[in-house]
Amino acid sequence: MMFLVMLFVLLCIGAVVIQRTLKQLGMRVSNGRPRPTISEIVVAIVSSLVVASLAAVGGFLGAAFLCAKLLSGESGEAALVLAPALAFALSIAAFSICFRKIITYGESS
């Protein structure tokens, strides 16, 4: 159940990032800059999802190993909370950064 909630929140945040970036690009079109095509946007979304997935796996494994090494006993159960939280936070950050970098690539803002 928690996984579904985290996935829903990730999708909502991703939609907000995409919407805000495309809105900013719409403002840039009035300045004479070219607007990205639908295929470029789809490639940016798919690439960002791949990077977010890799960041989530890395964050999950990293937090689990760190908690296992640094904490012992009942404190080691902190990995059950910290690993998914870190994976979720890293995936959101990776998606938003990657999407903005891909869409605005080549522009000298």
N, C-alpha and C. Protein backbone atom coordinates (compact mmCIF):
# COMPACT_ATOMS: atom_id res chain seq x y z
N MET A 1 0.82 -1.19 0.00
CA MET A 1 0.00 0.00 0.00
C MET A 1 0.87 1.26 0.00
N MET A 2 1.93 1.24 0.81
CA MET A 2 2.81 2.39 0.87
C MET A 2 3.49 2.64 -0.47
N PHE A 3 3.81 1.55 -1.16
CA PHE A 3 4.43 1.66 -2.48
C PHE A 3 3.50 2.38 -3.45
N LEU A 4 2.21 2.07 -3.41
CA LEU A 4 1.25 2.72 -4.30
C LEU A 4 1.11 4.21 -3.99
N VAL A 5 1.13 4.54 -2.71
CA VAL A 5 1.06 5.96 -2.33
C VAL A 5 2.30 6.71 -2.80
N MET A 6 3.48 6.08 -2.62
CA MET A 6 4.71 6.72 -3.07
C MET A 6 4.73 6.87 -4.58
N LEU A 7 4.24 5.87 -5.30
CA LEU A 7 4.17 5.95 -6.76
C LEU A 7 3.22 7.05 -7.21
N PHE A 8 2.09 7.18 -6.53
CA PHE A 8 1.13 8.23 -6.87
C PHE A 8 1.73 9.62 -6.64
N VAL A 9 2.40 9.79 -5.51
CA VAL A 9 3.03 11.09 -5.22
C VAL A 9 4.12 11.39 -6.24
N LEU A 10 4.90 10.38 -6.60
CA LEU A 10 5.95 10.57 -7.61
C LEU A 10 5.35 10.98 -8.95
N LEU A 11 4.25 10.36 -9.34
CA LEU A 11 3.60 10.72 -10.59
C LEU A 11 3.05 12.15 -10.54
N CYS A 12 2.48 12.53 -9.41
CA CYS A 12 1.96 13.90 -9.28
C CYS A 12 3.08 14.93 -9.34
N ILE A 13 4.17 14.66 -8.65
CA ILE A 13 5.29 15.60 -8.69
C ILE A 13 5.89 15.65 -10.08
N GLY A 14 6.00 14.50 -10.74
CA GLY A 14 6.50 14.47 -12.11
C GLY A 14 5.61 15.27 -13.05
N ALA A 15 4.31 15.16 -12.88
CA ALA A 15 3.38 15.93 -13.72
C ALA A 15 3.54 17.42 -13.49
N VAL A 16 3.73 17.82 -12.23
CA VAL A 16 3.93 19.24 -11.93
C VAL A 16 5.23 19.75 -12.54
N VAL A 17 6.30 18.95 -12.44
CA VAL A 17 7.58 19.36 -13.02
C VAL A 17 7.45 19.50 -14.53
N ILE A 18 6.81 18.55 -15.18
CA ILE A 18 6.63 18.60 -16.63
C ILE A 18 5.80 19.82 -17.01
N GLN A 19 4.71 20.04 -16.28
CA GLN A 19 3.83 21.17 -16.59
C GLN A 19 4.56 22.51 -16.44
N ARG A 20 5.31 22.67 -15.36
CA ARG A 20 6.02 23.94 -15.14
C ARG A 20 7.11 24.16 -16.17
N THR A 21 7.82 23.09 -16.54
CA THR A 21 8.87 23.22 -17.54
C THR A 21 8.30 23.58 -18.89
N LEU A 22 7.20 22.93 -19.27
CA LEU A 22 6.58 23.25 -20.56
C LEU A 22 5.98 24.65 -20.57
N LYS A 23 5.49 25.11 -19.42
CA LYS A 23 4.98 26.47 -19.33
C LYS A 23 6.12 27.48 -19.52
N GLN A 24 7.27 27.20 -18.91
CA GLN A 24 8.43 28.08 -19.09
C GLN A 24 8.89 28.05 -20.55
N LEU A 25 8.82 26.89 -21.17
CA LEU A 25 9.20 26.81 -22.58
C LEU A 25 8.24 27.59 -23.46
N GLY A 26 6.96 27.60 -23.08
CA GLY A 26 5.99 28.39 -23.83
C GLY A 26 6.31 29.87 -23.78
N MET A 27 6.83 30.35 -22.65
CA MET A 27 7.24 31.74 -22.53
C MET A 27 8.47 32.00 -23.39
N ARG A 28 9.33 31.01 -23.51
CA ARG A 28 10.55 31.18 -24.29
C ARG A 28 10.26 31.19 -25.79
N VAL A 29 9.16 30.57 -26.21
CA VAL A 29 8.80 30.56 -27.63
C VAL A 29 8.53 31.98 -28.10
N SER A 30 7.93 32.78 -27.22
CA SER A 30 7.64 34.17 -27.60
C SER A 30 8.93 34.97 -27.80
N ASN A 31 10.03 34.50 -27.25
CA ASN A 31 11.32 35.16 -27.42
C ASN A 31 12.05 34.69 -28.68
N GLY A 32 11.44 33.81 -29.45
CA GLY A 32 12.05 33.34 -30.68
C GLY A 32 12.84 32.06 -30.55
N ARG A 33 12.80 31.42 -29.41
CA ARG A 33 13.50 30.14 -29.24
C ARG A 33 12.60 29.02 -29.73
N PRO A 34 13.18 27.96 -30.29
CA PRO A 34 12.35 26.86 -30.79
C PRO A 34 11.72 26.06 -29.66
N ARG A 35 10.51 25.61 -29.90
CA ARG A 35 9.78 24.82 -28.91
C ARG A 35 10.04 23.34 -29.16
N PRO A 36 10.21 22.53 -28.12
CA PRO A 36 10.46 21.10 -28.34
C PRO A 36 9.24 20.40 -28.91
N THR A 37 9.49 19.39 -29.72
CA THR A 37 8.39 18.63 -30.31
C THR A 37 7.87 17.60 -29.32
N ILE A 38 6.77 16.97 -29.67
CA ILE A 38 6.18 15.96 -28.80
C ILE A 38 7.15 14.78 -28.61
N SER A 39 7.83 14.41 -29.69
CA SER A 39 8.76 13.28 -29.57
C SER A 39 9.93 13.61 -28.64
N GLU A 40 10.40 14.84 -28.65
CA GLU A 40 11.46 15.24 -27.73
C GLU A 40 10.98 15.20 -26.29
N ILE A 41 9.75 15.60 -26.07
CA ILE A 41 9.18 15.57 -24.72
C ILE A 41 9.02 14.14 -24.24
N VAL A 42 8.55 13.25 -25.12
CA VAL A 42 8.39 11.84 -24.74
C VAL A 42 9.74 11.21 -24.42
N VAL A 43 10.75 11.50 -25.24
CA VAL A 43 12.09 10.97 -24.97
C VAL A 43 12.62 11.51 -23.65
N ALA A 44 12.36 12.77 -23.36
CA ALA A 44 12.81 13.36 -22.09
C ALA A 44 12.12 12.70 -20.91
N ILE A 45 10.83 12.42 -21.03
CA ILE A 45 10.09 11.78 -19.94
C ILE A 45 10.61 10.36 -19.71
N VAL A 46 10.77 9.60 -20.81
CA VAL A 46 11.23 8.21 -20.67
C VAL A 46 12.65 8.18 -20.10
N SER A 47 13.52 9.04 -20.61
CA SER A 47 14.90 9.08 -20.09
C SER A 47 14.92 9.48 -18.62
N SER A 48 14.10 10.43 -18.25
CA SER A 48 14.04 10.86 -16.86
C SER A 48 13.51 9.75 -15.95
N LEU A 49 12.54 8.98 -16.44
CA LEU A 49 12.03 7.86 -15.65
C LEU A 49 13.10 6.79 -15.45
N VAL A 50 13.90 6.54 -16.49
CA VAL A 50 14.99 5.56 -16.35
C VAL A 50 16.00 6.04 -15.32
N VAL A 51 16.38 7.31 -15.41
CA VAL A 51 17.35 7.87 -14.44
C VAL A 51 16.76 7.85 -13.03
N ALA A 52 15.47 8.18 -12.90
CA ALA A 52 14.83 8.16 -11.58
C ALA A 52 14.79 6.74 -11.01
N SER A 53 14.55 5.75 -11.86
CA SER A 53 14.53 4.36 -11.39
C SER A 53 15.91 3.93 -10.92
N LEU A 54 16.94 4.28 -11.68
CA LEU A 54 18.30 3.94 -11.26
C LEU A 54 18.68 4.64 -9.95
N ALA A 55 18.28 5.89 -9.82
CA ALA A 55 18.56 6.62 -8.58
C ALA A 55 17.82 6.01 -7.40
N ALA A 56 16.59 5.56 -7.63
CA ALA A 56 15.81 4.93 -6.55
C ALA A 56 16.45 3.62 -6.10
N VAL A 57 16.88 2.81 -7.04
CA VAL A 57 17.53 1.54 -6.68
C VAL A 57 18.82 1.81 -5.94
N GLY A 58 19.61 2.74 -6.43
CA GLY A 58 20.87 3.08 -5.77
C GLY A 58 20.65 3.64 -4.37
N GLY A 59 19.66 4.50 -4.23
CA GLY A 59 19.36 5.07 -2.91
C GLY A 59 18.85 4.02 -1.94
N PHE A 60 18.03 3.11 -2.43
CA PHE A 60 17.50 2.05 -1.57
C PHE A 60 18.62 1.14 -1.08
N LEU A 61 19.44 0.69 -2.01
CA LEU A 61 20.54 -0.20 -1.63
C LEU A 61 21.57 0.51 -0.74
N GLY A 62 21.88 1.76 -1.08
CA GLY A 62 22.83 2.53 -0.28
C GLY A 62 22.35 2.74 1.14
N ALA A 63 21.09 3.10 1.31
CA ALA A 63 20.55 3.31 2.66
C ALA A 63 20.48 2.00 3.43
N ALA A 64 20.13 0.92 2.76
CA ALA A 64 20.05 -0.37 3.45
C ALA A 64 21.43 -0.82 3.92
N PHE A 65 22.44 -0.68 3.06
CA PHE A 65 23.79 -1.08 3.45
C PHE A 65 24.36 -0.18 4.53
N LEU A 66 24.12 1.12 4.42
CA LEU A 66 24.62 2.03 5.46
C LEU A 66 23.98 1.75 6.81
N CYS A 67 22.68 1.52 6.82
CA CYS A 67 22.01 1.22 8.09
C CYS A 67 22.50 -0.10 8.66
N ALA A 68 22.75 -1.08 7.79
CA ALA A 68 23.25 -2.37 8.26
C ALA A 68 24.65 -2.24 8.84
N LYS A 69 25.49 -1.42 8.25
CA LYS A 69 26.87 -1.26 8.73
C LYS A 69 26.97 -0.36 9.95
N LEU A 70 26.22 0.73 9.96
CA LEU A 70 26.36 1.72 11.02
C LEU A 70 25.52 1.41 12.25
N LEU A 71 24.40 0.75 12.07
CA LEU A 71 23.49 0.49 13.18
C LEU A 71 23.46 -1.01 13.46
N SER A 72 23.24 -1.36 14.70
CA SER A 72 23.18 -2.78 15.06
C SER A 72 21.97 -3.02 15.95
N GLY A 73 21.57 -4.26 16.03
CA GLY A 73 20.46 -4.62 16.89
C GLY A 73 19.14 -4.13 16.34
N GLU A 74 18.29 -3.65 17.25
CA GLU A 74 16.98 -3.19 16.85
C GLU A 74 17.06 -1.88 16.06
N SER A 75 18.14 -1.16 16.22
CA SER A 75 18.32 0.07 15.46
C SER A 75 18.52 -0.22 13.98
N GLY A 76 18.95 -1.43 13.66
CA GLY A 76 19.13 -1.80 12.26
C GLY A 76 17.83 -1.83 11.49
N GLU A 77 16.72 -1.87 12.20
CA GLU A 77 15.43 -1.85 11.53
C GLU A 77 15.12 -0.48 10.93
N ALA A 78 15.96 0.48 11.19
CA ALA A 78 15.77 1.80 10.60
C ALA A 78 15.87 1.74 9.08
N ALA A 79 16.54 0.72 8.58
CA ALA A 79 16.65 0.56 7.12
C ALA A 79 15.29 0.36 6.49
N LEU A 80 14.35 -0.22 7.24
CA LEU A 80 13.00 -0.43 6.71
C LEU A 80 12.28 0.88 6.46
N VAL A 81 12.68 1.92 7.16
CA VAL A 81 12.06 3.23 6.98
C VAL A 81 12.93 4.12 6.09
N LEU A 82 14.22 4.12 6.36
CA LEU A 82 15.11 5.03 5.65
C LEU A 82 15.34 4.66 4.19
N ALA A 83 15.42 3.37 3.89
CA ALA A 83 15.72 2.95 2.52
C ALA A 83 14.62 3.38 1.53
N PRO A 84 13.35 3.09 1.79
CA PRO A 84 12.32 3.56 0.85
C PRO A 84 12.21 5.08 0.79
N ALA A 85 12.42 5.74 1.93
CA ALA A 85 12.33 7.20 1.95
C ALA A 85 13.43 7.83 1.11
N LEU A 86 14.66 7.32 1.25
CA LEU A 86 15.77 7.85 0.47
C LEU A 86 15.60 7.54 -1.01
N ALA A 87 15.11 6.34 -1.31
CA ALA A 87 14.87 5.97 -2.71
C ALA A 87 13.83 6.90 -3.33
N PHE A 88 12.79 7.19 -2.59
CA PHE A 88 11.73 8.07 -3.08
C PHE A 88 12.25 9.49 -3.30
N ALA A 89 13.00 10.00 -2.34
CA ALA A 89 13.53 11.37 -2.47
C ALA A 89 14.51 11.48 -3.63
N LEU A 90 15.38 10.50 -3.77
CA LEU A 90 16.34 10.54 -4.87
C LEU A 90 15.67 10.41 -6.23
N SER A 91 14.63 9.60 -6.31
CA SER A 91 13.95 9.45 -7.60
C SER A 91 13.24 10.74 -8.01
N ILE A 92 12.66 11.44 -7.06
CA ILE A 92 12.01 12.72 -7.38
C ILE A 92 13.04 13.74 -7.85
N ALA A 93 14.13 13.84 -7.12
CA ALA A 93 15.17 14.80 -7.49
C ALA A 93 15.80 14.45 -8.84
N ALA A 94 16.07 13.18 -9.07
CA ALA A 94 16.68 12.77 -10.34
C ALA A 94 15.74 13.02 -11.51
N PHE A 95 14.45 12.73 -11.34
CA PHE A 95 13.51 12.95 -12.43
C PHE A 95 13.42 14.44 -12.79
N SER A 96 13.25 15.28 -11.78
CA SER A 96 13.06 16.70 -12.08
C SER A 96 14.31 17.33 -12.69
N ILE A 97 15.48 16.99 -12.17
CA ILE A 97 16.72 17.55 -12.71
C ILE A 97 16.97 17.06 -14.12
N CYS A 98 16.80 15.76 -14.34
CA CYS A 98 17.06 15.18 -15.66
C CYS A 98 16.09 15.73 -16.71
N PHE A 99 14.82 15.83 -16.38
CA PHE A 99 13.84 16.33 -17.35
C PHE A 99 14.14 17.77 -17.75
N ARG A 100 14.44 18.61 -16.78
CA ARG A 100 14.74 20.01 -17.10
C ARG A 100 16.03 20.14 -17.92
N LYS A 101 17.04 19.34 -17.59
CA LYS A 101 18.30 19.40 -18.35
C LYS A 101 18.10 18.94 -19.79
N ILE A 102 17.32 17.89 -19.99
CA ILE A 102 17.12 17.38 -21.35
C ILE A 102 16.31 18.36 -22.19
N ILE A 103 15.24 18.89 -21.63
CA ILE A 103 14.36 19.79 -22.39
C ILE A 103 15.06 21.10 -22.72
N THR A 104 15.84 21.62 -21.80
CA THR A 104 16.49 22.92 -22.04
C THR A 104 17.91 22.79 -22.56
N TYR A 105 18.28 21.61 -23.05
CA TYR A 105 19.64 21.38 -23.53
C TYR A 105 19.92 22.29 -24.74
N GLY A 106 21.04 22.95 -24.72
CA GLY A 106 21.46 23.79 -25.83
C GLY A 106 21.02 25.24 -25.72
N GLU A 107 20.21 25.57 -24.75
CA GLU A 107 19.78 26.95 -24.57
C GLU A 107 20.77 27.66 -23.64
N SER A 108 21.07 28.88 -23.97
CA SER A 108 21.95 29.67 -23.10
C SER A 108 21.11 30.69 -22.35
N SER A 109 20.45 30.25 -21.28
CA SER A 109 19.55 31.12 -20.53
C SER A 109 20.32 32.17 -19.80
